Amino acid sequence: MAIHNILRQAREQAGLSLEKAADCIGISGASFSRMENGLSKVNTDRLEMLAALYDVSASALIEGSIVTRPSTVDIERMRAVVEAVQAVVNRLRVKPSPQKMGLAVAEVYRLEIEHIVADPKASFDANRHTGLIEAIFRK
């Protein structure tokens, strides 16, 4: 994929209008449009500014592998998931393999991601996942 298409995709993923993104890096909307349409080149300074604006790495923009950095909310949610899984392990008095621990954490976190996509203000509730976690460790 061409860099200009990647830049447009990254901007849209960041939820920014063309005008807002242009304003944030200090160029006109017309200049920004030319850049996203492949009519003007992107220098390294501008690429770094765009990467910071979109909260991705410059190399991800170049490679077309846009992955956003985890937010504090994501990290806190992951911590809560790990603690919930560990609490069930302790209560069941099992000694799961690292693979089973990884499976339980990954599956609960996946469900949490789906939950917060549906309701971004939802808080973590370990009780919502207790049955699933117990089933994973009782296999």
C-alpha atoms as a PDB file:
ATOM      1  CA  MET A   1       0.000   0.000   0.000  1.00  0.00           C
ATOM      2  CA  ALA A   2       1.320   3.456  -0.868  1.00  0.00           C
ATOM      3  CA  ILE A   3       2.358   5.745   1.987  1.00  0.00           C
ATOM      4  CA  HIS A   4      -0.318   8.308   1.180  1.00  0.00           C
ATOM      5  CA  ASN A   5      -3.034   5.664   1.561  1.00  0.00           C
ATOM      6  CA  ILE A   6      -1.490   4.509   4.840  1.00  0.00           C
ATOM      7  CA  LEU A   7      -1.474   8.085   6.118  1.00  0.00           C
ATOM      8  CA  ARG A   8      -5.152   8.491   5.307  1.00  0.00           C
ATOM      9  CA  GLN A   9      -5.971   5.195   7.000  1.00  0.00           C
ATOM     10  CA  ALA A  10      -3.993   6.171  10.104  1.00  0.00           C
ATOM     11  CA  ARG A  11      -5.726   9.563  10.287  1.00  0.00           C
ATOM     12  CA  GLU A  12      -9.157   7.995   9.960  1.00  0.00           C
ATOM     13  CA  GLN A  13      -8.289   5.344  12.556  1.00  0.00           C
ATOM     14  CA  ALA A  14      -7.224   8.156  14.898  1.00  0.00           C
ATOM     15  CA  GLY A  15     -10.644   9.745  14.365  1.00  0.00           C
ATOM     16  CA  LEU A  16      -9.285  13.031  13.021  1.00  0.00           C
ATOM     17  CA  SER A  17     -10.655  15.122  10.200  1.00  0.00           C
ATOM     18  CA  LEU A  18      -8.237  16.188   7.508  1.00  0.00           C
ATOM     19  CA  GLU A  19      -8.507  19.801   8.682  1.00  0.00           C
ATOM     20  CA  LYS A  20      -7.886  18.926  12.339  1.00  0.00           C
ATOM     21  CA  ALA A  21      -4.840  16.773  11.499  1.00  0.00           C
ATOM     22  CA  ALA A  22      -3.444  19.515   9.256  1.00  0.00           C
ATOM     23  CA  ASP A  23      -3.919  22.092  12.009  1.00  0.00           C
ATOM     24  CA  CYS A  24      -2.194  19.841  14.557  1.00  0.00           C
ATOM     25  CA  ILE A  25       0.981  19.592  12.489  1.00  0.00           C
ATOM     26  CA  GLY A  26       0.877  23.213  11.325  1.00  0.00           C
ATOM     27  CA  ILE A  27       0.075  22.942   7.630  1.00  0.00           C
ATOM     28  CA  SER A  28      -2.919  23.912   5.525  1.00  0.00           C
ATOM     29  CA  GLY A  29      -5.736  21.518   4.777  1.00  0.00           C
ATOM     30  CA  ALA A  30      -4.852  21.772   1.076  1.00  0.00           C
ATOM     31  CA  SER A  31      -1.233  20.751   1.757  1.00  0.00           C
ATOM     32  CA  PHE A  32      -2.416  17.892   3.919  1.00  0.00           C
ATOM     33  CA  SER A  33      -4.837  16.771   1.213  1.00  0.00           C
ATOM     34  CA  ARG A  34      -2.058  16.767  -1.397  1.00  0.00           C
ATOM     35  CA  MET A  35       0.074  14.640   0.927  1.00  0.00           C
ATOM     36  CA  GLU A  36      -2.738  12.112   1.487  1.00  0.00           C
ATOM     37  CA  ASN A  37      -3.491  11.984  -2.218  1.00  0.00           C
ATOM     38  CA  GLY A  38       0.128  11.269  -3.145  1.00  0.00           C
ATOM     39  CA  LEU A  39       0.597  14.632  -4.878  1.00  0.00           C
ATOM     40  CA  SER A  40       3.316  15.795  -2.493  1.00  0.00           C
ATOM     41  CA  LYS A  41       6.086  13.933  -0.709  1.00  0.00           C
ATOM     42  CA  VAL A  42       6.239  13.283   3.024  1.00  0.00           C
ATOM     43  CA  ASN A  43       9.545  14.243   4.625  1.00  0.00           C
ATOM     44  CA  THR A  44      10.886  12.498   7.714  1.00  0.00           C
ATOM     45  CA  ASP A  45      10.064  15.393  10.056  1.00  0.00           C
ATOM     46  CA  ARG A  46       6.468  15.403   8.934  1.00  0.00           C
ATOM     47  CA  LEU A  47       6.308  11.609   9.161  1.00  0.00           C
ATOM     48  CA  GLU A  48       7.471  11.801  12.794  1.00  0.00           C
ATOM     49  CA  MET A  49       4.866  14.482  13.570  1.00  0.00           C
ATOM     50  CA  LEU A  50       2.120  12.360  11.998  1.00  0.00           C
ATOM     51  CA  ALA A  51       3.239   9.263  13.876  1.00  0.00           C
ATOM     52  CA  ALA A  52       3.089  11.179  17.170  1.00  0.00           C
ATOM     53  CA  LEU A  53      -0.294  12.664  16.259  1.00  0.00           C
ATOM     54  CA  TYR A  54      -1.747   9.257  15.378  1.00  0.00           C
ATOM     55  CA  ASP A  55      -0.039   7.583  18.357  1.00  0.00           C
ATOM     56  CA  VAL A  56       1.778   5.042  16.191  1.00  0.00           C
ATOM     57  CA  SER A  57       5.417   4.541  15.271  1.00  0.00           C
ATOM     58  CA  ALA A  58       6.893   6.101  12.147  1.00  0.00           C
ATOM     59  CA  SER A  59       8.062   2.657  11.052  1.00  0.00           C
ATOM     60  CA  ALA A  60       4.479   1.390  11.293  1.00  0.00           C
ATOM     61  CA  LEU A  61       3.408   4.144   8.914  1.00  0.00           C
ATOM     62  CA  ILE A  62       6.187   3.282   6.479  1.00  0.00           C
ATOM     63  CA  GLU A  63       5.512  -0.455   6.668  1.00  0.00           C
ATOM     64  CA  GLY A  64       1.755  -0.062   6.625  1.00  0.00           C
ATOM     65  CA  SER A  65       1.391  -1.997   9.870  1.00  0.00           C
ATOM     66  CA  ILE A  66      -0.506   0.523  11.937  1.00  0.00           C
ATOM     67  CA  VAL A  67      -0.841  -0.651  15.499  1.00  0.00           C
ATOM     68  CA  THR A  68      -1.835   1.875  18.111  1.00  0.00           C
ATOM     69  CA  ARG A  69      -0.019   2.056  21.407  1.00  0.00           C
ATOM     70  CA  PRO A  70      -1.946   0.698  24.365  1.00  0.00           C
ATOM     71  CA  SER A  71      -3.628   3.342  26.446  1.00  0.00           C
ATOM     72  CA  THR A  72      -3.561   3.560  30.213  1.00  0.00           C
ATOM     73  CA  VAL A  73      -7.103   2.174  30.154  1.00  0.00           C
ATOM     74  CA  ASP A  74      -5.895  -0.835  28.146  1.00  0.00           C
ATOM     75  CA  ILE A  75      -3.046  -1.484  30.556  1.00  0.00           C
ATOM     76  CA  GLU A  76      -5.279  -1.130  33.612  1.00  0.00           C
ATOM     77  CA  ARG A  77      -7.861  -3.453  32.040  1.00  0.00           C
ATOM     78  CA  MET A  78      -5.136  -6.033  31.335  1.00  0.00           C
ATOM     79  CA  ARG A  79      -3.930  -5.796  34.944  1.00  0.00           C
ATOM     80  CA  ALA A  80      -7.488  -6.360  36.174  1.00  0.00           C
ATOM     81  CA  VAL A  81      -7.858  -9.382  33.889  1.00  0.00           C
ATOM     82  CA  VAL A  82      -4.620 -10.941  35.131  1.00  0.00           C
ATOM     83  CA  GLU A  83      -5.656 -10.347  38.743  1.00  0.00           C
ATOM     84  CA  ALA A  84      -9.089 -11.896  38.109  1.00  0.00           C
ATOM     85  CA  VAL A  85      -7.553 -14.979  36.508  1.00  0.00           C
ATOM     86  CA  GLN A  86      -5.050 -15.327  39.346  1.00  0.00           C
ATOM     87  CA  ALA A  87      -7.826 -15.009  41.943  1.00  0.00           C
ATOM     88  CA  VAL A  88      -9.713 -17.927  40.354  1.00  0.00           C
ATOM     89  CA  VAL A  89      -6.507 -19.985  40.157  1.00  0.00           C
ATOM     90  CA  ASN A  90      -5.878 -19.332  43.852  1.00  0.00           C
ATOM     91  CA  ARG A  91      -9.464 -20.176  44.812  1.00  0.00           C
ATOM     92  CA  LEU A  92      -9.422 -23.415  42.781  1.00  0.00           C
ATOM     93  CA  ARG A  93      -5.958 -24.287  44.144  1.00  0.00           C
ATOM     94  CA  VAL A  94      -4.716 -25.345  40.736  1.00  0.00           C
ATOM     95  CA  LYS A  95      -1.258 -25.002  39.265  1.00  0.00           C
ATOM     96  CA  PRO A  96      -1.949 -24.234  35.608  1.00  0.00           C
ATOM     97  CA  SER A  97       0.678 -24.349  32.914  1.00  0.00           C
ATOM     98  CA  PRO A  98       1.874 -21.048  31.474  1.00  0.00           C
ATOM     99  CA  GLN A  99      -0.081 -21.956  28.316  1.00  0.00           C
ATOM    100  CA  LYS A 100      -3.359 -22.273  30.249  1.00  0.00           C
ATOM    101  CA  MET A 101      -2.698 -19.022  32.097  1.00  0.00           C
ATOM    102  CA  GLY A 102      -1.994 -17.343  28.773  1.00  0.00           C
ATOM    103  CA  LEU A 103      -5.157 -18.814  27.255  1.00  0.00           C
ATOM    104  CA  ALA A 104      -7.301 -17.629  30.173  1.00  0.00           C
ATOM    105  CA  VAL A 105      -5.853 -14.111  30.202  1.00  0.00           C
ATOM    106  CA  ALA A 106      -6.063 -13.775  26.412  1.00  0.00           C
ATOM    107  CA  GLU A 107      -9.643 -15.032  26.228  1.00  0.00           C
ATOM    108  CA  VAL A 108     -10.914 -12.842  29.067  1.00  0.00           C
ATOM    109  CA  TYR A 109      -9.094  -9.810  27.656  1.00  0.00           C
ATOM    110  CA  ARG A 110     -10.573 -10.497  24.203  1.00  0.00           C
ATOM    111  CA  LEU A 111     -14.044 -10.552  25.746  1.00  0.00           C
ATOM    112  CA  GLU A 112     -13.271  -7.332  27.612  1.00  0.00           C
ATOM    113  CA  ILE A 113     -12.208  -5.634  24.393  1.00  0.00           C
ATOM    114  CA  GLU A 114     -15.515  -6.643  22.803  1.00  0.00           C
ATOM    115  CA  HIS A 115     -17.331  -5.364  25.886  1.00  0.00           C
ATOM    116  CA  ILE A 116     -15.688  -1.937  25.902  1.00  0.00           C
ATOM    117  CA  VAL A 117     -16.109  -1.555  22.142  1.00  0.00           C
ATOM    118  CA  ALA A 118     -19.845  -2.016  22.713  1.00  0.00           C
ATOM    119  CA  ASP A 119     -19.833   0.218  25.816  1.00  0.00           C
ATOM    120  CA  PRO A 120     -16.679   2.387  26.084  1.00  0.00           C
ATOM    121  CA  LYS A 121     -17.567   3.581  29.597  1.00  0.00           C
ATOM    122  CA  ALA A 122     -18.052   0.063  30.974  1.00  0.00           C
ATOM    123  CA  SER A 123     -15.956  -0.852  33.957  1.00  0.00           C
ATOM    124  CA  PHE A 124     -14.302  -4.208  34.483  1.00  0.00           C
ATOM    125  CA  ASP A 125     -16.354  -6.784  36.377  1.00  0.00           C
ATOM    126  CA  ALA A 126     -14.431  -9.966  37.164  1.00  0.00           C
ATOM    127  CA  ASN A 127     -17.658 -11.793  38.019  1.00  0.00           C
ATOM    128  CA  ARG A 128     -18.665 -11.580  34.362  1.00  0.00           C
ATOM    129  CA  HIS A 129     -15.797 -13.975  33.519  1.00  0.00           C
ATOM    130  CA  THR A 130     -15.567 -16.278  36.536  1.00  0.00           C
ATOM    131  CA  GLY A 131     -17.414 -19.173  34.887  1.00  0.00           C
ATOM    132  CA  LEU A 132     -15.222 -19.050  31.790  1.00  0.00           C
ATOM    133  CA  ILE A 133     -12.010 -18.878  33.817  1.00  0.00           C
ATOM    134  CA  GLU A 134     -13.102 -21.812  35.989  1.00  0.00           C
ATOM    135  CA  ALA A 135     -13.974 -23.857  32.884  1.00  0.00           C
ATOM    136  CA  ILE A 136     -10.524 -23.239  31.378  1.00  0.00           C
ATOM    137  CA  PHE A 137      -8.763 -24.489  34.510  1.00  0.00           C
ATOM    138  CA  ARG A 138     -11.033 -27.455  35.117  1.00  0.00           C
ATOM    139  CA  LYS A 139     -10.281 -29.004  31.711  1.00  0.00           C
END
